[in-house]
Amino acid sequence: MVESESRELLFDCMTPIEIRLLTDNDTDAWWKLRLEALERDPEAFSSSVEDHLKLSRDEIRRRLTADPAKNFVLGVFAKGKLLGTAGFVRETQPKSRHKGRIRGVYLNAELRGRGNGRRLVLAVLDRARKIEGVEPRALKIGRHYIDEEYMTLRVR
């Protein structure tokens, strides 16, 4: 029997979820969920459990609140518990700051397979679309773009 089959699910398909911007008040919940993500799905992340354990709560708080207009983390909550995250990071260099990346996507196993991951990523894209100057081009020099072959989803 698979582990998830041997216990009662805490969140069923009727459990309402909330997707919202994480704040400094979510620091501890994010830290715990990120540790879960790194332990359960280490191949999905470039960071390791060891890297994560070295992060101070102050560093996490700084990352969550540094510039929420351009860099942000959204969380999926069910019954008040943080169960998923996805972040958006905008490039900072002048020639590439019109680009951003979705990163750190994780959804607790109990919420998977019901469209919640898709809803989370779409919420990130919706917020990213509202950021001034984000465009789907690879490199900008003056008024000209130099495209590279990447998988892209046009946000405008």
Foldseek 3Di string as FASTA:
>chain_A
DDPVVVDDQPDDLPFDKDKDWDALVCLVLVLVQLLVCQVPPVVQDPDHNVNSVPDDSVNSNCQQVVPCLAKTKMFMDTPRHTFWIKIKHADDDPFGRLEIDIDDTDGHPSPPPNCPSVVRVVVNLVSNLPRPRNFDAGTHDPNDTDHDDDDDDTSD
